[in-house]
Protein backbone atom coordinates (compact mmCIF):
# COMPACT_ATOMS: atom_id res chain seq x y z
CA MET A 1 23.38 176.70 159.84
CA ASN A 2 21.18 174.48 157.99
CA ASP A 3 19.79 176.15 154.77
CA SER A 4 16.03 175.94 155.08
CA HIS A 5 13.63 176.37 152.25
CA ARG A 6 11.81 179.46 153.21
CA ASP A 7 10.81 182.73 151.63
CA LEU A 8 11.71 185.76 153.61
CA LEU A 9 10.78 189.27 152.96
CA VAL A 10 13.29 191.58 154.57
CA LEU A 11 12.42 195.26 154.73
CA SER A 12 15.06 197.85 155.80
CA LYS A 13 14.92 201.66 156.39
CA SER A 14 18.69 201.86 155.18
CA GLU A 15 19.13 201.61 151.52
CA ALA A 16 22.96 201.07 151.52
CA LEU A 17 23.29 197.47 152.77
CA SER A 18 26.11 195.62 151.53
CA ALA A 19 25.72 191.98 150.59
CA GLU A 20 27.56 190.78 153.62
CA GLN A 21 25.02 192.77 155.75
CA LYS A 22 22.08 191.40 153.92
CA GLN A 23 23.47 187.83 154.41
CA ARG A 24 24.15 188.48 158.11
CA GLU A 25 20.57 189.72 158.73
CA ILE A 26 19.18 186.66 156.81
CA GLU A 27 21.27 184.29 159.00
CA LYS A 28 20.21 186.04 162.25
CA LEU A 29 16.55 185.76 161.14
CA HIS A 30 16.98 182.26 160.29
CA SER A 31 18.60 181.29 163.53
CA LEU A 32 15.80 183.15 165.49
CA LEU A 33 13.01 181.42 163.49
CA TYR A 34 14.80 178.06 163.72
CA SER A 35 14.79 178.16 167.50
CA THR A 36 11.12 179.22 167.81
CA GLU A 37 9.34 177.12 165.05
CA THR A 38 9.22 173.72 166.91
CA PHE A 39 6.47 171.18 167.06
CA ASP A 40 5.99 172.15 170.75
CA SER A 41 5.43 175.96 169.94
CA PHE A 42 3.05 174.93 167.10
CA CYS A 43 1.06 172.73 169.70
CA VAL A 44 0.82 175.68 172.13
CA ALA A 45 -0.37 178.19 169.42
CA ASN A 46 -3.02 175.89 168.00
CA GLU A 47 -5.81 173.90 169.14
CA ILE A 48 -7.80 171.03 167.66
CA LEU A 49 -11.60 171.11 166.90
CA ASP A 50 -12.99 167.55 166.68
CA LEU A 51 -16.53 168.01 165.37
CA ASN A 52 -17.06 164.14 165.55
CA ARG A 53 -16.84 164.14 169.28
CA HIS A 54 -17.79 167.96 169.79
CA LYS A 55 -14.68 168.54 171.58
CA ARG A 56 -12.13 171.46 171.68
CA ILE A 57 -8.60 170.14 172.63
CA HIS A 58 -6.04 172.47 173.81
CA LYS A 59 -3.59 170.26 175.84
CA LYS A 60 -0.32 170.28 174.14
CA PHE A 61 0.40 166.54 174.59
CA ILE A 62 -3.01 165.47 173.42
CA ILE A 63 -2.55 167.76 170.36
CA GLN A 64 0.75 166.19 169.55
CA LYS A 65 -0.69 162.76 169.85
CA ILE A 66 -3.70 163.59 167.44
CA LEU A 67 -1.42 165.11 164.89
CA ARG A 68 0.98 162.10 164.99
CA GLU A 69 -1.69 159.41 164.98
CA TYR A 70 -4.63 160.73 163.09
CA PRO A 71 -3.46 163.22 160.43
CA LYS A 72 -6.25 162.67 158.00
CA LYS A 73 -9.25 162.07 160.21
CA PRO A 74 -12.39 163.84 158.75
CA PHE A 75 -13.95 166.89 160.57
CA VAL A 76 -10.81 167.28 162.65
CA PHE A 77 -9.49 170.85 162.38
CA ILE A 78 -6.25 172.56 163.47
CA VAL A 79 -7.22 176.24 164.57
CA ASN A 80 -4.88 178.85 165.45
CA LYS A 81 -5.76 180.45 168.96
CA ASN A 82 -5.01 184.00 167.74
C-alpha cells in the first residue's frame, strides 16, 4: 500500500508483539483509514458557515464546490458537525 505520512499512536493490551505483528496492525489501520478518509466523507462530516451571507451550508455537493473554488474567502468557516 501507499506509504502515507501520518502519525499513529497504537496502544495494545498485549506487551509481547513482534515487529511483524506491529507492522501488520499498522498496515490494517492504514488500509481502514485510507478507505474512510475521502473528500466525500469529509464533506458529510463537516458544514460551512458563511458569515458574509449569513448561511449554514450542509449539502455535500455545495460544500465540495465551495472548498474547490473559494478556499481563502474571508469569514467562511468549516465546522465539524460533531
